[in-house]
Each structure stands twice: as structure tokens, then as C-alpha cells.
Amino acid sequence: MTDNSVNMNIRPEVEPFFDPATNTISYVVKDPNSNSCAIVDSVMDIDYAAGRISYESADAIIAYVQEKGLKVEWLIETHVHADHLSGAPYIQQKLGGKIGIGKNITVVQDTFGKVFNEGTEFQRDGSQFDALFEDGDTYEIGGLRAFAIYTPGHTPACMTHVMGDAAFVGDTLFMPDGGSARADFPGGDAGTLYDSIQKVLALPDDMRLFMCHDYGPNGRDIQWETTVADEKAHNIHVGAGKTKEEFVKFRTERDAQLDMPKLIIPSLQVNMRAGAVPTDKDGRPMLKVPVNAL
């Protein structure tokens, strides 16, 4: 079903959860007229050096949902994250809800299925997820109609999710003084990212925008909420009328200087499986480290 009309009169309640280990912000988004909610970009904790997974971040979200008496309808992944592991299946086991991601997860699965030399048992059709969104698809959070906008460029599967007067942009945009995310991962493209950002900036000026990450540039406190108007006026990479050519030149040069995210190897293996940890032939949780492949 597609009806991507914006209803700025509906203001969902948005509760943020900041994970300092990965600078990720997860959200519980509540329909203002019911006890239904969605959880966006949840985190599963990992001590990569020790090979140990834990659930403190997800447990904080679960405790909040239970305390408020909320019903989880959706567990939304804005994209296949390369810097943190998804806590969606752990939360789903405790609270229910459907796990949804963009349809082009299949492109990511095909690309990284090869990188990690996954066997035929690894399905590359997105079937690990409960729903695969196409551009403009709508879904319900109680009485709140949400819709997804296809915003690739950082990855091929990135989507922005609009819920009333709130949009969750994933890594398509950062706060105005943070600019934009890298576009040099396999399947990423700086020009495509610029075009996707323009889709976000075409939303109403008063639309609240919620970031997936913030790194506190220049020592400021961590922030995660801004507006379309603020991004258009002040975003250091795309604001104030910066052209596509300027953006692509800057983004390409900048990305060439960036190190790989510290958790990219475990994150991709887990997140392309909808948050499930892969197992070896004996059924034991096991991660691979491809050498010189990224």
C-alpha cells in the first residue's frame, strides 16, 4: 500500500536511547492516540576483542516499553548498519513486532555474502526479515500511518521512515554541523546520496529529523534531533545551496581518508541476517574475519 502524504498534525512521542559505545541513537516512537509503538535502529552490545555479546542497550528499551505499557508493532532498521549490531531479534523475542528493512537488503546480502564466503544456506532474498519496504510503502503503528522513502547512497538499502511529523533518516544525514555519512562502502555512491538527501530536504520545513548517529563535532554535547529547515540552511555538506558537484567532490575526497568502522566485520554479518548471529557447522555462534576483502 502506498500513500506517502505527510500529516504534520500527528506528533508521535519519540524517546531516544543513546549508545555511547557506538554513538548510535535508537528510538521508541509511540502513536499519540494509542499504546502502539515502533522501535527504530536498536543496538546489541558486543565486546569484539572478547567475542562477547550482551544486551544492556536492548534491555533498556525493553524496560521502557514495559514500564509504559506499550505494544511493539514494528522493529525498523533504516539500513544495514556497519557500525553497530542490531538488537531487533532479541527485542522481538521479548516484545513481539515485525522486523522491517528496505527491499534492497537483497543487494547487500548478495554483496557481502560473497565477501564473507557464505554458503548456499545463507538466503539472499531478505527472508530473514518480516517485511521488505519499497519506496512509498506504508505501514501502521496503531492509528499512525508511517511510510518509507528510498534514500540510498550510504548503502543500497537505506530508507527514511516518516511517522507523522517525525522522520528517521538513518545515516542519510547527520546533524547540521556533522554533515553527511560516507558513501564509499560497496554499493554506496556520493551522487546518489546527494539525490537522496534532497528527498529528505523536500519534506516540510517543520518536519522533525532524527539521526541514527552523532559524534559531537568540536566537543559539543551529543544531539540527535533537528528540522528540515535547519538542515537546508546550515548543513555543512549540503546546506545553503551546495551543488551536487561540490558534494560529490568533497565526499569522495573525505571518504578516501576515513578508516573502516571498528565494528564493520561483525556488524555486517549480523545485520544482513536481521540481527541473528551466524553459526558454524556445529551450530555454535561464530563470526568470520575476511582478510583484505573490505
C-alpha atoms as a PDB file:
ATOM      1  CA  MET A   1       0.000   0.000   0.000  1.00  0.00           C
ATOM      2  CA  THR A   2       1.366   3.422  -0.889  1.00  0.00           C
ATOM      3  CA  ASP A   3       0.107   6.787   0.373  1.00  0.00           C
ATOM      4  CA  ASN A   4       3.084   8.914   1.260  1.00  0.00           C
ATOM      5  CA  SER A   5       1.182  12.069   2.172  1.00  0.00           C
ATOM      6  CA  VAL A   6       2.704  13.843   5.155  1.00  0.00           C
ATOM      7  CA  ASN A   7       0.451  14.537   8.139  1.00  0.00           C
ATOM      8  CA  MET A   8       2.234  17.184  10.190  1.00  0.00           C
ATOM      9  CA  ASN A   9      -0.733  17.327  12.586  1.00  0.00           C
ATOM     10  CA  ILE A  10       0.220  13.966  14.086  1.00  0.00           C
ATOM     11  CA  ARG A  11       3.087  14.304  16.546  1.00  0.00           C
ATOM     12  CA  PRO A  12       4.331  10.927  17.774  1.00  0.00           C
ATOM     13  CA  GLU A  13       6.102  10.706  21.104  1.00  0.00           C
ATOM     14  CA  VAL A  14       9.788   9.959  20.439  1.00  0.00           C
ATOM     15  CA  GLU A  15      12.020   8.541  23.189  1.00  0.00           C
ATOM     16  CA  PRO A  16      15.752   8.379  22.326  1.00  0.00           C
ATOM     17  CA  PHE A  17      18.300   5.890  23.640  1.00  0.00           C
ATOM     18  CA  PHE A  18      21.942   6.823  23.115  1.00  0.00           C
ATOM     19  CA  ASP A  19      24.584   4.081  22.970  1.00  0.00           C
ATOM     20  CA  PRO A  20      27.963   5.693  23.767  1.00  0.00           C
ATOM     21  CA  ALA A  21      29.982   2.665  22.619  1.00  0.00           C
ATOM     22  CA  THR A  22      28.823   3.137  19.007  1.00  0.00           C
ATOM     23  CA  ASN A  23      27.391   6.697  19.073  1.00  0.00           C
ATOM     24  CA  THR A  24      24.075   5.222  17.930  1.00  0.00           C
ATOM     25  CA  ILE A  25      20.679   6.653  18.818  1.00  0.00           C
ATOM     26  CA  SER A  26      17.782   4.198  18.924  1.00  0.00           C
ATOM     27  CA  TYR A  27      14.186   5.333  19.261  1.00  0.00           C
ATOM     28  CA  VAL A  28      10.849   4.240  20.638  1.00  0.00           C
ATOM     29  CA  VAL A  29       8.170   6.015  18.583  1.00  0.00           C
ATOM     30  CA  LYS A  30       4.661   5.982  20.092  1.00  0.00           C
ATOM     31  CA  ASP A  31       1.407   6.609  18.293  1.00  0.00           C
ATOM     32  CA  PRO A  32      -0.092   9.585  20.216  1.00  0.00           C
ATOM     33  CA  ASN A  33      -3.572   8.061  20.078  1.00  0.00           C
ATOM     34  CA  SER A  34      -2.857   4.503  21.258  1.00  0.00           C
ATOM     35  CA  ASN A  35      -0.300   2.420  23.151  1.00  0.00           C
ATOM     36  CA  SER A  36       1.274   1.150  19.912  1.00  0.00           C
ATOM     37  CA  CYS A  37       4.890   1.931  19.109  1.00  0.00           C
ATOM     38  CA  ALA A  38       7.770   1.227  16.754  1.00  0.00           C
ATOM     39  CA  ILE A  39      11.411   0.740  17.713  1.00  0.00           C
ATOM     40  CA  VAL A  40      13.965   2.211  15.295  1.00  0.00           C
ATOM     41  CA  ASP A  41      17.611   1.061  14.951  1.00  0.00           C
ATOM     42  CA  SER A  42      18.074  -0.888  18.170  1.00  0.00           C
ATOM     43  CA  VAL A  43      21.535  -1.985  19.373  1.00  0.00           C
ATOM     44  CA  MET A  44      23.008  -5.294  20.537  1.00  0.00           C
ATOM     45  CA  ASP A  45      26.217  -4.841  22.523  1.00  0.00           C
ATOM     46  CA  ILE A  46      29.468  -6.573  21.609  1.00  0.00           C
ATOM     47  CA  ASP A  47      32.904  -6.725  23.171  1.00  0.00           C
ATOM     48  CA  TYR A  48      34.616  -7.566  19.893  1.00  0.00           C
ATOM     49  CA  ALA A  49      38.022  -8.241  21.442  1.00  0.00           C
ATOM     50  CA  ALA A  50      36.489 -10.800  23.796  1.00  0.00           C
ATOM     51  CA  GLY A  51      33.946 -12.143  21.307  1.00  0.00           C
ATOM     52  CA  ARG A  52      31.195 -11.496  23.851  1.00  0.00           C
ATOM     53  CA  ILE A  53      27.654 -10.315  23.085  1.00  0.00           C
ATOM     54  CA  SER A  54      25.346  -8.732  25.665  1.00  0.00           C
ATOM     55  CA  TYR A  55      22.046  -6.883  25.718  1.00  0.00           C
ATOM     56  CA  GLU A  56      22.230  -3.887  28.066  1.00  0.00           C
ATOM     57  CA  SER A  57      21.172  -1.427  25.355  1.00  0.00           C
ATOM     58  CA  ALA A  58      18.248  -3.552  24.205  1.00  0.00           C
ATOM     59  CA  ASP A  59      17.210  -4.266  27.792  1.00  0.00           C
ATOM     60  CA  ALA A  60      16.927  -0.524  28.454  1.00  0.00           C
ATOM     61  CA  ILE A  61      14.474  -0.213  25.566  1.00  0.00           C
ATOM     62  CA  ILE A  62      12.544  -3.279  26.706  1.00  0.00           C
ATOM     63  CA  ALA A  63      12.268  -1.889  30.242  1.00  0.00           C
ATOM     64  CA  TYR A  64      10.961   1.427  28.913  1.00  0.00           C
ATOM     65  CA  VAL A  65       8.353  -0.248  26.690  1.00  0.00           C
ATOM     66  CA  GLN A  66       7.166  -2.445  29.546  1.00  0.00           C
ATOM     67  CA  GLU A  67       7.084   0.423  32.034  1.00  0.00           C
ATOM     68  CA  LYS A  68       4.939   2.499  29.672  1.00  0.00           C
ATOM     69  CA  GLY A  69       2.678  -0.434  28.795  1.00  0.00           C
ATOM     70  CA  LEU A  70       3.385  -0.118  25.062  1.00  0.00           C
ATOM     71  CA  LYS A  71       2.694  -2.608  22.297  1.00  0.00           C
ATOM     72  CA  VAL A  72       5.527  -3.019  19.779  1.00  0.00           C
ATOM     73  CA  GLU A  73       4.166  -3.154  16.240  1.00  0.00           C
ATOM     74  CA  TRP A  74       7.422  -2.690  14.304  1.00  0.00           C
ATOM     75  CA  LEU A  75      11.177  -3.014  14.691  1.00  0.00           C
ATOM     76  CA  ILE A  76      12.537  -0.782  11.931  1.00  0.00           C
ATOM     77  CA  GLU A  77      16.062  -0.939  10.534  1.00  0.00           C
ATOM     78  CA  THR A  78      16.823   2.156   8.478  1.00  0.00           C
ATOM     79  CA  HIS A  79      19.633   0.220   6.728  1.00  0.00           C
ATOM     80  CA  VAL A  80      22.233  -2.497   7.225  1.00  0.00           C
ATOM     81  CA  HIS A  81      24.421  -0.793   9.800  1.00  0.00           C
ATOM     82  CA  ALA A  82      28.193  -1.128   9.564  1.00  0.00           C
ATOM     83  CA  ASP A  83      28.979   0.320  12.978  1.00  0.00           C
ATOM     84  CA  HIS A  84      26.697  -1.495  15.410  1.00  0.00           C
ATOM     85  CA  LEU A  85      24.848  -4.794  15.708  1.00  0.00           C
ATOM     86  CA  SER A  86      21.052  -4.851  15.631  1.00  0.00           C
ATOM     87  CA  GLY A  87      19.159  -5.866  18.760  1.00  0.00           C
ATOM     88  CA  ALA A  88      15.913  -6.391  16.829  1.00  0.00           C
ATOM     89  CA  PRO A  89      15.522 -10.187  17.150  1.00  0.00           C
ATOM     90  CA  TYR A  90      16.300 -10.096  20.879  1.00  0.00           C
ATOM     91  CA  ILE A  91      13.668  -7.401  21.416  1.00  0.00           C
ATOM     92  CA  GLN A  92      11.212  -9.194  19.145  1.00  0.00           C
ATOM     93  CA  GLN A  93      11.562 -12.343  21.241  1.00  0.00           C
ATOM     94  CA  LYS A  94      10.661 -10.344  24.354  1.00  0.00           C
ATOM     95  CA  LEU A  95       8.057  -7.934  22.995  1.00  0.00           C
ATOM     96  CA  GLY A  96       6.895  -9.068  19.547  1.00  0.00           C
ATOM     97  CA  GLY A  97       6.599  -6.840  16.488  1.00  0.00           C
ATOM     98  CA  LYS A  98       7.694  -7.214  12.879  1.00  0.00           C
ATOM     99  CA  ILE A  99      11.265  -6.550  11.723  1.00  0.00           C
ATOM    100  CA  GLY A 100      11.321  -4.390   8.577  1.00  0.00           C
ATOM    101  CA  ILE A 101      14.050  -3.083   6.263  1.00  0.00           C
ATOM    102  CA  GLY A 102      14.369  -1.754   2.719  1.00  0.00           C
ATOM    103  CA  LYS A 103      13.849  -4.143  -0.185  1.00  0.00           C
ATOM    104  CA  ASN A 104      17.420  -3.692  -1.385  1.00  0.00           C
ATOM    105  CA  ILE A 105      18.670  -5.696   1.576  1.00  0.00           C
ATOM    106  CA  THR A 106      18.951  -8.368  -1.105  1.00  0.00           C
ATOM    107  CA  VAL A 107      21.673  -6.342  -2.852  1.00  0.00           C
ATOM    108  CA  VAL A 108      23.575  -6.029   0.430  1.00  0.00           C
ATOM    109  CA  GLN A 109      23.156  -9.741   1.150  1.00  0.00           C
ATOM    110  CA  ASP A 110      24.460 -10.670  -2.276  1.00  0.00           C
ATOM    111  CA  THR A 111      27.454  -8.327  -1.999  1.00  0.00           C
ATOM    112  CA  PHE A 112      28.524  -9.332   1.490  1.00  0.00           C
ATOM    113  CA  GLY A 113      27.503 -12.946   1.120  1.00  0.00           C
ATOM    114  CA  LYS A 114      30.444 -13.082  -1.283  1.00  0.00           C
ATOM    115  CA  VAL A 115      32.768 -11.071   0.956  1.00  0.00           C
ATOM    116  CA  PHE A 116      32.140 -13.439   3.865  1.00  0.00           C
ATOM    117  CA  ASN A 117      32.096 -16.534   1.628  1.00  0.00           C
ATOM    118  CA  GLU A 118      28.673 -17.570   2.878  1.00  0.00           C
ATOM    119  CA  GLY A 119      27.369 -20.916   1.716  1.00  0.00           C
ATOM    120  CA  THR A 120      24.103 -21.697  -0.009  1.00  0.00           C
ATOM    121  CA  GLU A 121      22.370 -21.949   3.372  1.00  0.00           C
ATOM    122  CA  PHE A 122      22.602 -18.146   3.664  1.00  0.00           C
ATOM    123  CA  GLN A 123      19.468 -16.858   1.978  1.00  0.00           C
ATOM    124  CA  ARG A 124      19.972 -13.720  -0.093  1.00  0.00           C
ATOM    125  CA  ASP A 125      16.271 -12.961  -0.616  1.00  0.00           C
ATOM    126  CA  GLY A 126      15.617 -10.897   2.503  1.00  0.00           C
ATOM    127  CA  SER A 127      13.578 -13.720   4.037  1.00  0.00           C
ATOM    128  CA  GLN A 128      15.249 -13.197   7.427  1.00  0.00           C
ATOM    129  CA  PHE A 129      13.109 -10.067   7.775  1.00  0.00           C
ATOM    130  CA  ASP A 130       9.346  -9.892   8.285  1.00  0.00           C
ATOM    131  CA  ALA A 131       8.833  -7.031   5.817  1.00  0.00           C
ATOM    132  CA  LEU A 132      10.790  -5.529   2.930  1.00  0.00           C
ATOM    133  CA  PHE A 133       9.809  -1.935   2.161  1.00  0.00           C
ATOM    134  CA  GLU A 134       9.712  -0.393  -1.290  1.00  0.00           C
ATOM    135  CA  ASP A 135       9.745   3.343  -1.950  1.00  0.00           C
ATOM    136  CA  GLY A 136       6.487   4.855  -0.690  1.00  0.00           C
ATOM    137  CA  ASP A 137       5.266   1.774   1.160  1.00  0.00           C
ATOM    138  CA  THR A 138       3.088   2.494   4.191  1.00  0.00           C
ATOM    139  CA  TYR A 139       2.576   0.629   7.433  1.00  0.00           C
ATOM    140  CA  GLU A 140       0.550   1.180  10.591  1.00  0.00           C
ATOM    141  CA  ILE A 141       1.683   1.891  14.147  1.00  0.00           C
ATOM    142  CA  GLY A 142      -1.665   1.730  15.886  1.00  0.00           C
ATOM    143  CA  GLY A 143      -3.584   4.564  14.244  1.00  0.00           C
ATOM    144  CA  LEU A 144      -0.448   6.231  12.918  1.00  0.00           C
ATOM    145  CA  ARG A 145       0.312   5.691   9.247  1.00  0.00           C
ATOM    146  CA  ALA A 146       4.033   5.654   8.546  1.00  0.00           C
ATOM    147  CA  PHE A 147       5.780   5.457   5.197  1.00  0.00           C
ATOM    148  CA  ALA A 148       9.236   4.706   3.848  1.00  0.00           C
ATOM    149  CA  ILE A 149      11.243   6.807   1.379  1.00  0.00           C
ATOM    150  CA  TYR A 150      14.041   5.127  -0.562  1.00  0.00           C
ATOM    151  CA  THR A 151      17.201   7.115   0.230  1.00  0.00           C
ATOM    152  CA  PRO A 152      20.237   5.095  -0.972  1.00  0.00           C
ATOM    153  CA  GLY A 153      23.800   6.317  -1.339  1.00  0.00           C
ATOM    154  CA  HIS A 154      25.308   5.425   2.031  1.00  0.00           C
ATOM    155  CA  THR A 155      24.180   1.846   1.329  1.00  0.00           C
ATOM    156  CA  PRO A 156      21.847   0.402  -1.333  1.00  0.00           C
ATOM    157  CA  ALA A 157      19.177  -0.440   1.255  1.00  0.00           C
ATOM    158  CA  CYS A 158      18.870   2.890   3.110  1.00  0.00           C
ATOM    159  CA  MET A 159      15.378   4.223   3.765  1.00  0.00           C
ATOM    160  CA  THR A 160      13.998   7.211   5.637  1.00  0.00           C
ATOM    161  CA  HIS A 161      10.907   6.425   7.710  1.00  0.00           C
ATOM    162  CA  VAL A 162       8.313   9.169   8.147  1.00  0.00           C
ATOM    163  CA  MET A 163       5.925   8.894  11.108  1.00  0.00           C
ATOM    164  CA  GLY A 164       3.645  11.904  11.409  1.00  0.00           C
ATOM    165  CA  ASP A 165       5.829  14.993  11.847  1.00  0.00           C
ATOM    166  CA  ALA A 166       8.943  12.890  12.567  1.00  0.00           C
ATOM    167  CA  ALA A 167      11.370  11.362  10.065  1.00  0.00           C
ATOM    168  CA  PHE A 168      14.083   8.864  10.940  1.00  0.00           C
ATOM    169  CA  VAL A 169      16.879   9.352   8.437  1.00  0.00           C
ATOM    170  CA  GLY A 170      19.339   6.610   9.377  1.00  0.00           C
ATOM    171  CA  ASP A 171      22.779   7.591   8.084  1.00  0.00           C
ATOM    172  CA  THR A 172      21.489   9.654   5.161  1.00  0.00           C
ATOM    173  CA  LEU A 173      22.082  12.846   7.157  1.00  0.00           C
ATOM    174  CA  PHE A 174      23.838  13.888  10.353  1.00  0.00           C
ATOM    175  CA  MET A 175      23.171  16.967  12.469  1.00  0.00           C
ATOM    176  CA  PRO A 176      23.860  20.201  10.540  1.00  0.00           C
ATOM    177  CA  ASP A 177      27.383  20.525  11.964  1.00  0.00           C
ATOM    178  CA  GLY A 178      28.050  16.824  11.246  1.00  0.00           C
ATOM    179  CA  GLY A 179      27.088  16.914   7.580  1.00  0.00           C
ATOM    180  CA  SER A 180      26.558  13.546   5.949  1.00  0.00           C
ATOM    181  CA  ALA A 181      27.660   9.920   6.140  1.00  0.00           C
ATOM    182  CA  ARG A 182      30.293   8.240   3.998  1.00  0.00           C
ATOM    183  CA  ALA A 183      29.371   6.812   0.596  1.00  0.00           C
ATOM    184  CA  ASP A 184      32.326   4.535  -0.114  1.00  0.00           C
ATOM    185  CA  PHE A 185      31.019   1.199   1.166  1.00  0.00           C
ATOM    186  CA  PRO A 186      30.293  -1.411  -1.542  1.00  0.00           C
ATOM    187  CA  GLY A 187      27.094  -0.253  -3.254  1.00  0.00           C
ATOM    188  CA  GLY A 188      27.426   3.296  -1.937  1.00  0.00           C
ATOM    189  CA  ASP A 189      27.615   6.355  -4.189  1.00  0.00           C
ATOM    190  CA  ALA A 190      28.129  10.029  -3.333  1.00  0.00           C
ATOM    191  CA  GLY A 191      25.970  11.339  -6.172  1.00  0.00           C
ATOM    192  CA  THR A 192      23.147   9.002  -5.208  1.00  0.00           C
ATOM    193  CA  LEU A 193      23.472  10.107  -1.588  1.00  0.00           C
ATOM    194  CA  TYR A 194      23.152  13.759  -2.598  1.00  0.00           C
ATOM    195  CA  ASP A 195      19.960  12.976  -4.527  1.00  0.00           C
ATOM    196  CA  SER A 196      18.580  11.064  -1.542  1.00  0.00           C
ATOM    197  CA  ILE A 197      19.333  13.945   0.808  1.00  0.00           C
ATOM    198  CA  GLN A 198      17.323  16.203  -1.492  1.00  0.00           C
ATOM    199  CA  LYS A 199      14.321  13.899  -0.978  1.00  0.00           C
ATOM    200  CA  VAL A 200      14.627  14.387   2.769  1.00  0.00           C
ATOM    201  CA  LEU A 201      15.040  18.155   2.405  1.00  0.00           C
ATOM    202  CA  ALA A 202      11.882  18.251   0.257  1.00  0.00           C
ATOM    203  CA  LEU A 203       9.821  17.279   3.312  1.00  0.00           C
ATOM    204  CA  PRO A 204       8.041  20.127   5.161  1.00  0.00           C
ATOM    205  CA  ASP A 205      10.397  22.613   6.823  1.00  0.00           C
ATOM    206  CA  ASP A 206       8.984  21.864  10.286  1.00  0.00           C
ATOM    207  CA  MET A 207       9.461  18.102   9.943  1.00  0.00           C
ATOM    208  CA  ARG A 208      11.467  16.793  12.875  1.00  0.00           C
ATOM    209  CA  LEU A 209      14.506  14.812  11.724  1.00  0.00           C
ATOM    210  CA  PHE A 210      16.055  12.168  13.973  1.00  0.00           C
ATOM    211  CA  MET A 211      19.620  10.986  13.416  1.00  0.00           C
ATOM    212  CA  CYS A 212      20.935   7.440  13.800  1.00  0.00           C
ATOM    213  CA  HIS A 213      24.364   8.705  14.892  1.00  0.00           C
ATOM    214  CA  ASP A 214      26.017  11.736  16.389  1.00  0.00           C
ATOM    215  CA  TYR A 215      29.660  12.233  17.305  1.00  0.00           C
ATOM    216  CA  GLY A 216      29.571  15.639  18.991  1.00  0.00           C
ATOM    217  CA  PRO A 217      31.681  17.615  16.486  1.00  0.00           C
ATOM    218  CA  ASN A 218      34.069  20.148  18.028  1.00  0.00           C
ATOM    219  CA  GLY A 219      33.310  18.865  21.517  1.00  0.00           C
ATOM    220  CA  ARG A 220      29.625  19.811  21.678  1.00  0.00           C
ATOM    221  CA  ASP A 221      27.120  17.668  23.576  1.00  0.00           C
ATOM    222  CA  ILE A 222      25.552  14.745  21.710  1.00  0.00           C
ATOM    223  CA  GLN A 223      22.402  15.750  19.776  1.00  0.00           C
ATOM    224  CA  TRP A 224      20.019  13.807  17.565  1.00  0.00           C
ATOM    225  CA  GLU A 225      17.048  15.999  16.637  1.00  0.00           C
ATOM    226  CA  THR A 226      16.865  18.819  14.109  1.00  0.00           C
ATOM    227  CA  THR A 227      14.468  20.004  11.400  1.00  0.00           C
ATOM    228  CA  VAL A 228      14.375  20.074   7.629  1.00  0.00           C
ATOM    229  CA  ALA A 229      14.669  23.872   7.724  1.00  0.00           C
ATOM    230  CA  ASP A 230      17.795  23.732   9.880  1.00  0.00           C
ATOM    231  CA  GLU A 231      19.427  21.145   7.620  1.00  0.00           C
ATOM    232  CA  LYS A 232      18.642  23.146   4.479  1.00  0.00           C
ATOM    233  CA  ALA A 233      20.089  26.310   5.966  1.00  0.00           C
ATOM    234  CA  HIS A 234      23.038  25.016   7.963  1.00  0.00           C
ATOM    235  CA  ASN A 235      24.165  21.507   6.982  1.00  0.00           C
ATOM    236  CA  ILE A 236      27.889  21.848   6.343  1.00  0.00           C
ATOM    237  CA  HIS A 237      27.904  19.361   3.447  1.00  0.00           C
ATOM    238  CA  VAL A 238      24.631  20.033   1.602  1.00  0.00           C
ATOM    239  CA  GLY A 239      23.052  23.149   3.106  1.00  0.00           C
ATOM    240  CA  ALA A 240      22.900  26.717   1.801  1.00  0.00           C
ATOM    241  CA  GLY A 241      22.530  25.613  -1.810  1.00  0.00           C
ATOM    242  CA  LYS A 242      25.653  23.474  -2.171  1.00  0.00           C
ATOM    243  CA  THR A 243      25.652  21.768  -5.558  1.00  0.00           C
ATOM    244  CA  LYS A 244      25.795  18.089  -6.332  1.00  0.00           C
ATOM    245  CA  GLU A 245      29.210  18.541  -7.915  1.00  0.00           C
ATOM    246  CA  GLU A 246      30.564  20.240  -4.777  1.00  0.00           C
ATOM    247  CA  PHE A 247      29.145  17.498  -2.574  1.00  0.00           C
ATOM    248  CA  VAL A 248      30.481  14.609  -4.670  1.00  0.00           C
ATOM    249  CA  LYS A 249      33.965  16.157  -4.776  1.00  0.00           C
ATOM    250  CA  PHE A 250      34.050  16.744  -1.031  1.00  0.00           C
ATOM    251  CA  ARG A 251      32.501  13.389  -0.113  1.00  0.00           C
ATOM    252  CA  THR A 252      34.837  11.413  -2.377  1.00  0.00           C
ATOM    253  CA  GLU A 253      37.943  13.135  -1.029  1.00  0.00           C
ATOM    254  CA  ARG A 254      36.783  12.843   2.566  1.00  0.00           C
ATOM    255  CA  ASP A 255      35.840   9.173   2.309  1.00  0.00           C
ATOM    256  CA  ALA A 256      39.300   8.290   0.975  1.00  0.00           C
ATOM    257  CA  GLN A 257      40.723   9.472   4.323  1.00  0.00           C
ATOM    258  CA  LEU A 258      38.369   7.502   6.600  1.00  0.00           C
ATOM    259  CA  ASP A 259      39.223   4.281   8.388  1.00  0.00           C
ATOM    260  CA  MET A 260      36.761   1.391   8.313  1.00  0.00           C
ATOM    261  CA  PRO A 261      34.287   1.410  11.232  1.00  0.00           C
ATOM    262  CA  LYS A 262      35.645  -0.633  14.143  1.00  0.00           C
ATOM    263  CA  LEU A 263      32.671  -2.997  14.155  1.00  0.00           C
ATOM    264  CA  ILE A 264      32.052  -3.322  10.403  1.00  0.00           C
ATOM    265  CA  ILE A 265      33.043  -7.013  10.220  1.00  0.00           C
ATOM    266  CA  PRO A 266      30.721  -8.324  12.950  1.00  0.00           C
ATOM    267  CA  SER A 267      28.002  -5.750  12.158  1.00  0.00           C
ATOM    268  CA  LEU A 268      27.574  -6.733   8.521  1.00  0.00           C
ATOM    269  CA  GLN A 269      27.482 -10.455   9.254  1.00  0.00           C
ATOM    270  CA  VAL A 270      24.821  -9.998  11.927  1.00  0.00           C
ATOM    271  CA  ASN A 271      22.746  -7.216  10.378  1.00  0.00           C
ATOM    272  CA  MET A 272      22.369  -8.793   6.948  1.00  0.00           C
ATOM    273  CA  ARG A 273      20.749 -11.660   8.889  1.00  0.00           C
ATOM    274  CA  ALA A 274      18.224  -9.315  10.568  1.00  0.00           C
ATOM    275  CA  GLY A 275      20.273  -9.288  13.762  1.00  0.00           C
ATOM    276  CA  ALA A 276      20.931 -13.025  14.036  1.00  0.00           C
ATOM    277  CA  VAL A 277      24.457 -14.154  14.882  1.00  0.00           C
ATOM    278  CA  PRO A 278      25.767 -16.645  12.290  1.00  0.00           C
ATOM    279  CA  THR A 279      26.684 -20.141  13.404  1.00  0.00           C
ATOM    280  CA  ASP A 280      29.309 -22.684  12.363  1.00  0.00           C
ATOM    281  CA  LYS A 281      28.575 -26.196  11.083  1.00  0.00           C
ATOM    282  CA  ASP A 282      28.058 -27.369  14.678  1.00  0.00           C
ATOM    283  CA  GLY A 283      25.522 -24.643  15.441  1.00  0.00           C
ATOM    284  CA  ARG A 284      27.847 -22.528  17.596  1.00  0.00           C
ATOM    285  CA  PRO A 285      27.695 -18.705  17.254  1.00  0.00           C
ATOM    286  CA  MET A 286      30.695 -17.770  15.127  1.00  0.00           C
ATOM    287  CA  LEU A 287      31.936 -14.704  13.245  1.00  0.00           C
ATOM    288  CA  LYS A 288      34.369 -14.641  10.318  1.00  0.00           C
ATOM    289  CA  VAL A 289      37.159 -12.163   9.586  1.00  0.00           C
ATOM    290  CA  PRO A 290      37.746 -11.870   5.831  1.00  0.00           C
ATOM    291  CA  VAL A 291      41.319 -10.738   5.154  1.00  0.00           C
ATOM    292  CA  ASN A 292      41.935  -7.815   2.759  1.00  0.00           C
ATOM    293  CA  ALA A 293      38.352  -8.020   1.492  1.00  0.00           C
ATOM    294  CA  LEU A 294      36.972  -4.654   2.603  1.00  0.00           C
END
